[in-house]
N, C-alpha and C. Protein backbone atom coordinates (compact mmCIF):
# COMPACT_ATOMS: atom_id res chain seq x y z
N MET A 1 111.54 97.46 93.80
CA MET A 1 110.90 96.25 94.23
C MET A 1 110.45 95.42 93.02
N ALA A 2 110.56 95.97 91.84
CA ALA A 2 110.18 95.22 90.66
C ALA A 2 111.32 94.29 90.25
N GLY A 3 110.99 93.28 89.46
CA GLY A 3 112.02 92.37 88.97
C GLY A 3 112.34 91.29 89.98
N ASP A 4 113.40 90.56 89.67
CA ASP A 4 113.76 89.47 90.57
C ASP A 4 114.47 90.00 91.81
N LEU A 5 114.67 89.12 92.78
CA LEU A 5 115.25 89.51 94.06
C LEU A 5 116.63 90.13 93.90
N LYS A 6 117.48 89.56 93.05
CA LYS A 6 118.83 90.09 92.88
C LYS A 6 118.77 91.51 92.32
N THR A 7 117.97 91.73 91.29
CA THR A 7 117.84 93.05 90.68
C THR A 7 117.32 94.06 91.70
N SER A 8 116.32 93.66 92.47
CA SER A 8 115.71 94.56 93.45
C SER A 8 116.63 94.83 94.62
N ALA A 9 117.37 93.83 95.03
CA ALA A 9 118.15 93.94 96.26
C ALA A 9 119.51 94.62 96.07
N GLU A 10 120.09 94.55 94.90
CA GLU A 10 121.45 95.06 94.69
C GLU A 10 121.60 96.55 95.06
N PRO A 11 120.71 97.44 94.62
CA PRO A 11 120.88 98.85 95.03
C PRO A 11 120.86 99.03 96.55
N TRP A 12 120.05 98.23 97.25
CA TRP A 12 119.97 98.35 98.70
C TRP A 12 121.20 97.80 99.39
N ARG A 13 121.86 96.81 98.78
CA ARG A 13 123.12 96.32 99.34
C ARG A 13 124.15 97.44 99.31
N ILE A 14 124.18 98.20 98.22
CA ILE A 14 125.11 99.32 98.09
C ILE A 14 124.78 100.40 99.13
N ILE A 15 123.49 100.71 99.27
CA ILE A 15 123.08 101.70 100.27
C ILE A 15 123.45 101.24 101.67
N ALA A 16 123.25 99.96 101.97
CA ALA A 16 123.61 99.43 103.29
C ALA A 16 125.09 99.64 103.57
N ASP A 17 125.93 99.44 102.58
CA ASP A 17 127.38 99.64 102.75
C ASP A 17 127.73 101.08 103.09
N MET A 18 126.92 102.03 102.61
CA MET A 18 127.21 103.45 102.80
C MET A 18 126.38 104.11 103.91
N TRP A 19 125.50 103.35 104.55
CA TRP A 19 124.48 103.92 105.43
C TRP A 19 125.05 104.86 106.49
N ASN A 20 125.96 104.40 107.30
CA ASN A 20 126.46 105.23 108.40
C ASN A 20 127.35 106.37 107.94
N THR A 21 127.94 106.25 106.77
CA THR A 21 128.82 107.29 106.28
C THR A 21 128.06 108.44 105.64
N TYR A 22 127.06 108.12 104.84
CA TYR A 22 126.42 109.15 104.03
C TYR A 22 124.99 109.50 104.39
N PHE A 23 124.32 108.67 105.18
CA PHE A 23 122.91 108.91 105.42
C PHE A 23 122.67 109.51 106.80
N THR A 24 122.18 110.74 106.79
CA THR A 24 121.79 111.45 108.00
C THR A 24 120.41 112.05 107.74
N SER A 25 119.85 112.72 108.71
CA SER A 25 118.57 113.39 108.52
C SER A 25 118.74 114.44 107.40
N PRO A 26 117.84 114.57 106.48
CA PRO A 26 116.49 114.03 106.44
C PRO A 26 116.37 112.64 105.81
N SER A 27 117.46 112.09 105.28
CA SER A 27 117.37 110.74 104.70
C SER A 27 117.10 109.69 105.76
N ARG A 28 117.46 109.98 106.97
CA ARG A 28 117.27 109.08 108.10
C ARG A 28 116.34 109.72 109.12
N VAL A 29 115.71 108.92 109.92
CA VAL A 29 114.83 109.43 110.97
C VAL A 29 115.66 110.24 111.96
N SER A 30 115.24 111.48 112.21
CA SER A 30 115.94 112.34 113.16
C SER A 30 115.50 112.00 114.58
N PRO A 31 116.24 112.46 115.59
CA PRO A 31 115.80 112.23 116.98
C PRO A 31 114.41 112.80 117.26
N ASP A 32 114.08 113.96 116.69
CA ASP A 32 112.75 114.53 116.89
C ASP A 32 111.67 113.66 116.25
N GLU A 33 111.96 113.12 115.07
CA GLU A 33 111.00 112.25 114.41
C GLU A 33 110.84 110.94 115.18
N ALA A 34 111.91 110.40 115.71
CA ALA A 34 111.83 109.19 116.53
C ALA A 34 110.95 109.43 117.75
N LYS A 35 111.08 110.61 118.34
CA LYS A 35 110.24 110.97 119.49
C LYS A 35 108.77 111.02 119.09
N LYS A 36 108.49 111.55 117.90
CA LYS A 36 107.11 111.62 117.41
C LYS A 36 106.54 110.23 117.18
N TYR A 37 107.34 109.34 116.57
CA TYR A 37 106.89 107.95 116.40
C TYR A 37 106.49 107.37 117.75
N LYS A 38 107.32 107.58 118.79
CA LYS A 38 107.03 107.03 120.12
C LYS A 38 105.71 107.58 120.67
N GLU A 39 105.47 108.88 120.46
CA GLU A 39 104.21 109.47 120.92
C GLU A 39 103.03 108.75 120.29
N TRP A 40 103.09 108.55 118.98
CA TRP A 40 101.99 107.89 118.28
C TRP A 40 101.86 106.44 118.73
N LEU A 41 102.98 105.76 118.89
CA LEU A 41 102.95 104.34 119.27
C LEU A 41 102.37 104.12 120.66
N LYS A 42 102.54 105.08 121.55
CA LYS A 42 101.98 104.96 122.90
C LYS A 42 100.46 104.94 122.87
N GLU A 43 99.87 105.48 121.81
CA GLU A 43 98.41 105.56 121.71
C GLU A 43 97.77 104.28 121.20
N VAL A 44 98.57 103.35 120.69
CA VAL A 44 98.04 102.10 120.15
C VAL A 44 97.85 101.12 121.30
N SER A 45 96.62 100.62 121.46
CA SER A 45 96.33 99.76 122.60
C SER A 45 96.89 98.34 122.43
N LYS A 46 96.84 97.81 121.24
CA LYS A 46 97.41 96.49 120.98
C LYS A 46 98.86 96.68 120.57
N LYS A 47 99.65 95.63 120.64
CA LYS A 47 101.09 95.82 120.47
C LYS A 47 101.74 94.88 119.46
N LYS A 48 101.11 94.68 118.31
CA LYS A 48 101.70 93.83 117.28
C LYS A 48 101.97 94.70 116.05
N ALA A 49 103.26 94.86 115.70
CA ALA A 49 103.65 95.81 114.67
C ALA A 49 104.39 95.16 113.51
N LEU A 50 104.15 95.71 112.33
CA LEU A 50 104.89 95.36 111.13
C LEU A 50 105.74 96.55 110.73
N VAL A 51 107.03 96.30 110.46
CA VAL A 51 107.91 97.35 109.97
C VAL A 51 108.29 97.01 108.54
N LEU A 52 107.98 97.92 107.63
CA LEU A 52 108.39 97.78 106.23
C LEU A 52 109.82 98.28 106.15
N GLY A 53 110.76 97.37 106.00
CA GLY A 53 112.17 97.70 106.09
C GLY A 53 112.68 97.36 107.47
N VAL A 54 113.85 97.87 107.78
CA VAL A 54 114.48 97.55 109.07
C VAL A 54 115.07 98.80 109.73
N THR A 55 114.41 99.92 109.57
CA THR A 55 114.88 101.18 110.13
C THR A 55 115.12 101.06 111.63
N PRO A 56 116.36 101.26 112.08
CA PRO A 56 116.69 101.08 113.50
C PRO A 56 115.87 101.96 114.44
N GLU A 57 115.65 103.21 114.07
CA GLU A 57 114.95 104.14 114.96
C GLU A 57 113.52 103.69 115.21
N ILE A 58 112.86 103.16 114.19
CA ILE A 58 111.49 102.67 114.35
C ILE A 58 111.49 101.40 115.20
N ARG A 59 112.40 100.50 114.92
CA ARG A 59 112.49 99.25 115.68
C ARG A 59 112.80 99.51 117.14
N GLU A 60 113.66 100.46 117.43
CA GLU A 60 113.99 100.79 118.82
C GLU A 60 112.78 101.37 119.55
N ALA A 61 112.03 102.26 118.88
CA ALA A 61 110.84 102.84 119.50
C ALA A 61 109.84 101.73 119.84
N LEU A 62 109.63 100.82 118.91
CA LEU A 62 108.71 99.69 119.16
C LEU A 62 109.21 98.81 120.30
N ALA A 63 110.50 98.51 120.30
CA ALA A 63 111.09 97.65 121.35
C ALA A 63 110.93 98.29 122.72
N GLU A 64 111.20 99.58 122.82
CA GLU A 64 111.10 100.28 124.10
C GLU A 64 109.68 100.25 124.65
N LEU A 65 108.70 100.18 123.76
CA LEU A 65 107.30 100.19 124.18
C LEU A 65 106.70 98.78 124.27
N GLY A 66 107.53 97.76 124.11
CA GLY A 66 107.09 96.39 124.33
C GLY A 66 106.31 95.75 123.19
N TYR A 67 106.44 96.28 121.99
CA TYR A 67 105.73 95.71 120.85
C TYR A 67 106.32 94.37 120.43
N GLU A 68 105.47 93.51 119.90
CA GLU A 68 105.90 92.33 119.15
C GLU A 68 106.13 92.82 117.72
N ILE A 69 107.34 92.63 117.19
CA ILE A 69 107.75 93.27 115.95
C ILE A 69 108.04 92.24 114.87
N THR A 70 107.50 92.49 113.68
CA THR A 70 107.87 91.74 112.49
C THR A 70 108.39 92.75 111.48
N CYS A 71 109.62 92.55 111.02
CA CYS A 71 110.21 93.41 109.98
C CYS A 71 110.26 92.62 108.69
N ILE A 72 109.94 93.29 107.59
CA ILE A 72 110.02 92.65 106.28
C ILE A 72 110.89 93.51 105.38
N ASP A 73 111.93 92.88 104.84
CA ASP A 73 112.87 93.58 103.96
C ASP A 73 113.39 92.57 102.94
N ILE A 74 113.56 93.02 101.72
CA ILE A 74 113.99 92.13 100.65
C ILE A 74 115.49 91.85 100.66
N ASN A 75 116.25 92.67 101.39
CA ASN A 75 117.70 92.60 101.28
C ASN A 75 118.39 92.18 102.58
N PRO A 76 118.98 91.00 102.60
CA PRO A 76 119.68 90.57 103.81
C PRO A 76 120.87 91.45 104.20
N GLU A 77 121.50 92.09 103.22
CA GLU A 77 122.62 93.00 103.52
C GLU A 77 122.14 94.22 104.28
N MET A 78 120.98 94.75 103.91
CA MET A 78 120.42 95.90 104.62
C MET A 78 120.03 95.50 106.03
N VAL A 79 119.46 94.32 106.19
CA VAL A 79 119.09 93.84 107.53
C VAL A 79 120.34 93.77 108.40
N LYS A 80 121.39 93.18 107.89
CA LYS A 80 122.65 93.06 108.64
C LYS A 80 123.20 94.45 109.01
N ALA A 81 123.19 95.37 108.07
CA ALA A 81 123.71 96.71 108.34
C ALA A 81 122.88 97.44 109.39
N MET A 82 121.55 97.34 109.30
CA MET A 82 120.68 98.04 110.24
C MET A 82 120.71 97.38 111.62
N ASP A 83 120.88 96.06 111.68
CA ASP A 83 121.01 95.38 112.97
C ASP A 83 122.22 95.91 113.73
N SER A 84 123.29 96.21 113.02
CA SER A 84 124.49 96.69 113.69
C SER A 84 124.30 98.10 114.26
N ASP A 85 123.28 98.82 113.79
CA ASP A 85 122.99 100.17 114.29
C ASP A 85 122.05 100.19 115.48
N LEU A 86 121.44 99.06 115.80
CA LEU A 86 120.47 99.03 116.89
C LEU A 86 121.15 99.21 118.24
N GLU A 87 120.60 100.12 119.05
CA GLU A 87 121.06 100.27 120.43
C GLU A 87 120.16 99.46 121.36
N VAL A 88 118.88 99.33 120.98
CA VAL A 88 117.90 98.57 121.75
C VAL A 88 117.38 97.47 120.85
N LYS A 89 117.66 96.23 121.18
CA LYS A 89 117.24 95.07 120.37
C LYS A 89 116.11 94.35 121.10
N SER A 90 115.02 94.12 120.39
CA SER A 90 113.88 93.44 120.98
C SER A 90 114.05 91.93 120.92
N GLN A 91 113.65 91.27 121.99
CA GLN A 91 113.60 89.81 122.01
C GLN A 91 112.34 89.32 121.30
N LYS A 92 111.42 90.25 121.04
CA LYS A 92 110.16 89.90 120.39
C LYS A 92 110.14 90.40 118.94
N GLU A 93 111.25 90.19 118.23
CA GLU A 93 111.36 90.67 116.85
C GLU A 93 111.64 89.51 115.90
N THR A 94 110.92 89.51 114.79
CA THR A 94 111.11 88.54 113.73
C THR A 94 111.47 89.30 112.46
N ILE A 95 112.47 88.82 111.73
CA ILE A 95 112.86 89.44 110.46
C ILE A 95 112.49 88.48 109.33
N LEU A 96 111.77 88.98 108.35
CA LEU A 96 111.43 88.21 107.15
C LEU A 96 112.16 88.80 105.95
N ILE A 97 112.88 87.97 105.22
CA ILE A 97 113.53 88.42 103.99
C ILE A 97 112.54 88.13 102.86
N GLU A 98 111.70 89.12 102.61
CA GLU A 98 110.63 88.98 101.61
C GLU A 98 110.34 90.34 100.99
N ASN A 99 109.60 90.29 99.91
CA ASN A 99 109.18 91.48 99.17
C ASN A 99 107.90 92.04 99.80
N TRP A 100 107.84 93.33 99.97
CA TRP A 100 106.64 93.96 100.52
C TRP A 100 105.41 93.65 99.66
N LEU A 101 105.61 93.49 98.37
CA LEU A 101 104.50 93.33 97.43
C LEU A 101 104.07 91.88 97.25
N ASP A 102 104.87 90.95 97.67
CA ASP A 102 104.59 89.52 97.50
C ASP A 102 105.21 88.81 98.69
N ASN A 103 104.39 88.50 99.68
CA ASN A 103 104.93 87.99 100.94
C ASN A 103 104.02 86.94 101.56
N THR A 104 104.50 86.36 102.64
CA THR A 104 103.76 85.29 103.32
C THR A 104 103.02 85.77 104.57
N LEU A 105 102.92 87.08 104.78
CA LEU A 105 102.23 87.60 105.95
C LEU A 105 100.75 87.25 105.91
N LYS A 106 100.21 86.92 107.07
CA LYS A 106 98.80 86.54 107.18
C LYS A 106 97.90 87.78 107.19
N ASP A 107 96.70 87.62 106.67
CA ASP A 107 95.69 88.68 106.68
C ASP A 107 95.38 89.09 108.13
N ASN A 108 95.06 90.37 108.32
CA ASN A 108 94.57 90.88 109.61
C ASN A 108 95.47 90.51 110.78
N SER A 109 96.78 90.64 110.60
CA SER A 109 97.74 90.19 111.62
C SER A 109 98.30 91.29 112.51
N PHE A 110 98.25 92.54 112.07
CA PHE A 110 98.99 93.60 112.76
C PHE A 110 98.08 94.74 113.19
N ASP A 111 98.43 95.30 114.36
CA ASP A 111 97.71 96.47 114.87
C ASP A 111 98.21 97.75 114.20
N ILE A 112 99.47 97.72 113.80
CA ILE A 112 100.07 98.90 113.19
C ILE A 112 101.16 98.47 112.22
N ALA A 113 101.28 99.21 111.13
CA ALA A 113 102.37 99.01 110.17
C ALA A 113 103.10 100.34 110.07
N LEU A 114 104.43 100.27 110.07
CA LEU A 114 105.24 101.48 110.01
C LEU A 114 106.32 101.32 108.96
N GLY A 115 106.73 102.45 108.42
CA GLY A 115 107.84 102.44 107.49
C GLY A 115 108.47 103.81 107.45
N ASP A 116 109.67 103.86 106.96
CA ASP A 116 110.36 105.14 106.83
C ASP A 116 110.47 105.49 105.36
N ALA A 117 109.61 106.40 104.92
CA ALA A 117 109.62 106.86 103.52
C ALA A 117 109.56 105.68 102.55
N VAL A 118 108.59 104.80 102.76
CA VAL A 118 108.51 103.59 101.95
C VAL A 118 108.02 103.83 100.52
N LEU A 119 107.15 104.79 100.31
CA LEU A 119 106.57 104.97 98.99
C LEU A 119 107.60 105.22 97.88
N PRO A 120 108.63 106.04 98.10
CA PRO A 120 109.60 106.24 97.03
C PRO A 120 110.39 104.98 96.67
N ASN A 121 110.32 103.95 97.49
CA ASN A 121 111.04 102.71 97.22
C ASN A 121 110.23 101.73 96.37
N VAL A 122 109.04 102.16 95.99
CA VAL A 122 108.16 101.32 95.18
C VAL A 122 107.80 102.12 93.92
N PRO A 123 107.94 101.52 92.74
CA PRO A 123 107.56 102.24 91.51
C PRO A 123 106.10 102.71 91.57
N TRP A 124 105.83 103.86 90.95
CA TRP A 124 104.49 104.44 90.95
C TRP A 124 103.41 103.42 90.63
N GLU A 125 103.65 102.61 89.59
CA GLU A 125 102.62 101.68 89.14
C GLU A 125 102.38 100.53 90.12
N GLN A 126 103.22 100.40 91.15
CA GLN A 126 103.03 99.33 92.14
C GLN A 126 102.64 99.86 93.52
N ARG A 127 102.48 101.15 93.66
CA ARG A 127 102.13 101.72 94.97
C ARG A 127 100.74 101.31 95.44
N GLU A 128 99.82 101.18 94.50
CA GLU A 128 98.49 100.72 94.88
C GLU A 128 98.56 99.29 95.44
N LYS A 129 99.40 98.47 94.85
CA LYS A 129 99.61 97.09 95.35
C LYS A 129 100.20 97.13 96.75
N LEU A 130 101.16 98.04 96.98
CA LEU A 130 101.74 98.17 98.32
C LEU A 130 100.67 98.53 99.34
N MET A 131 99.87 99.53 99.02
CA MET A 131 98.83 99.96 99.95
C MET A 131 97.80 98.84 100.17
N SER A 132 97.52 98.07 99.14
CA SER A 132 96.62 96.94 99.27
C SER A 132 97.20 95.87 100.20
N GLU A 133 98.50 95.61 100.08
CA GLU A 133 99.16 94.64 100.95
C GLU A 133 99.16 95.11 102.40
N ILE A 134 99.42 96.39 102.61
CA ILE A 134 99.41 96.94 103.97
C ILE A 134 98.00 96.79 104.56
N SER A 135 97.01 97.14 103.78
CA SER A 135 95.62 97.02 104.23
C SER A 135 95.26 95.56 104.53
N ARG A 136 95.73 94.66 103.71
CA ARG A 136 95.44 93.23 103.88
C ARG A 136 95.98 92.70 105.20
N VAL A 137 97.19 93.09 105.59
CA VAL A 137 97.81 92.52 106.79
C VAL A 137 97.43 93.26 108.07
N LEU A 138 96.86 94.46 107.94
CA LEU A 138 96.41 95.18 109.13
C LEU A 138 95.07 94.65 109.62
N LYS A 139 94.89 94.67 110.93
CA LYS A 139 93.60 94.37 111.51
C LYS A 139 92.62 95.47 111.10
N PRO A 140 91.30 95.22 111.20
CA PRO A 140 90.32 96.21 110.72
C PRO A 140 90.53 97.64 111.24
N GLU A 141 90.95 97.81 112.47
CA GLU A 141 91.17 99.14 113.02
C GLU A 141 92.66 99.51 113.01
N GLY A 142 93.46 98.78 112.23
CA GLY A 142 94.90 98.99 112.20
C GLY A 142 95.30 100.33 111.61
N LEU A 143 96.51 100.76 111.96
CA LEU A 143 97.05 102.04 111.51
C LEU A 143 98.29 101.83 110.66
N PHE A 144 98.51 102.75 109.71
CA PHE A 144 99.72 102.76 108.91
C PHE A 144 100.37 104.12 109.10
N ILE A 145 101.63 104.12 109.52
CA ILE A 145 102.39 105.35 109.71
C ILE A 145 103.67 105.25 108.90
N THR A 146 103.92 106.24 108.07
CA THR A 146 105.18 106.31 107.35
C THR A 146 105.60 107.78 107.26
N ARG A 147 106.88 107.97 107.22
CA ARG A 147 107.42 109.30 107.00
C ARG A 147 107.42 109.54 105.50
N ALA A 148 107.12 110.76 105.09
CA ALA A 148 107.07 111.07 103.66
C ALA A 148 107.87 112.32 103.36
N PHE A 149 108.49 112.32 102.21
CA PHE A 149 109.19 113.51 101.73
C PHE A 149 108.22 114.29 100.85
N CYS A 150 108.17 115.59 101.00
CA CYS A 150 107.27 116.43 100.21
C CYS A 150 108.08 117.30 99.26
N VAL A 151 107.55 117.47 98.08
CA VAL A 151 108.19 118.34 97.08
C VAL A 151 107.22 119.45 96.73
């Protein structure tokens, strides 16, 4: 996410090209993990969600539960690739081609923010900025859910 848009986006364009061929669980959300996301999402009383990235499994879970969805991703190629994987497309979804760390999202706008293993996609020295941005756009009682890889 550091550097200019072209520098940041190019690796993700390559990943988007290979997504369906090479990426499976654990790199991708498994059916069991998608089910867990849905369980958690059912507990949220308000229904305005931010998705960091465009992970189809998360977007489908939100769509099935009637959420108003805003996705933010820096790479239009990844958005296009992930859109083609959607089985359930929400009519209440907005896609923003912007950087998670520098964006036009309004303060206190979302009940929940979700991402799929977002932290490894941000350099260590910018993770505090990411968490600050997530906190900024969440409502005071908002939740942040992300899948994490453990070593």
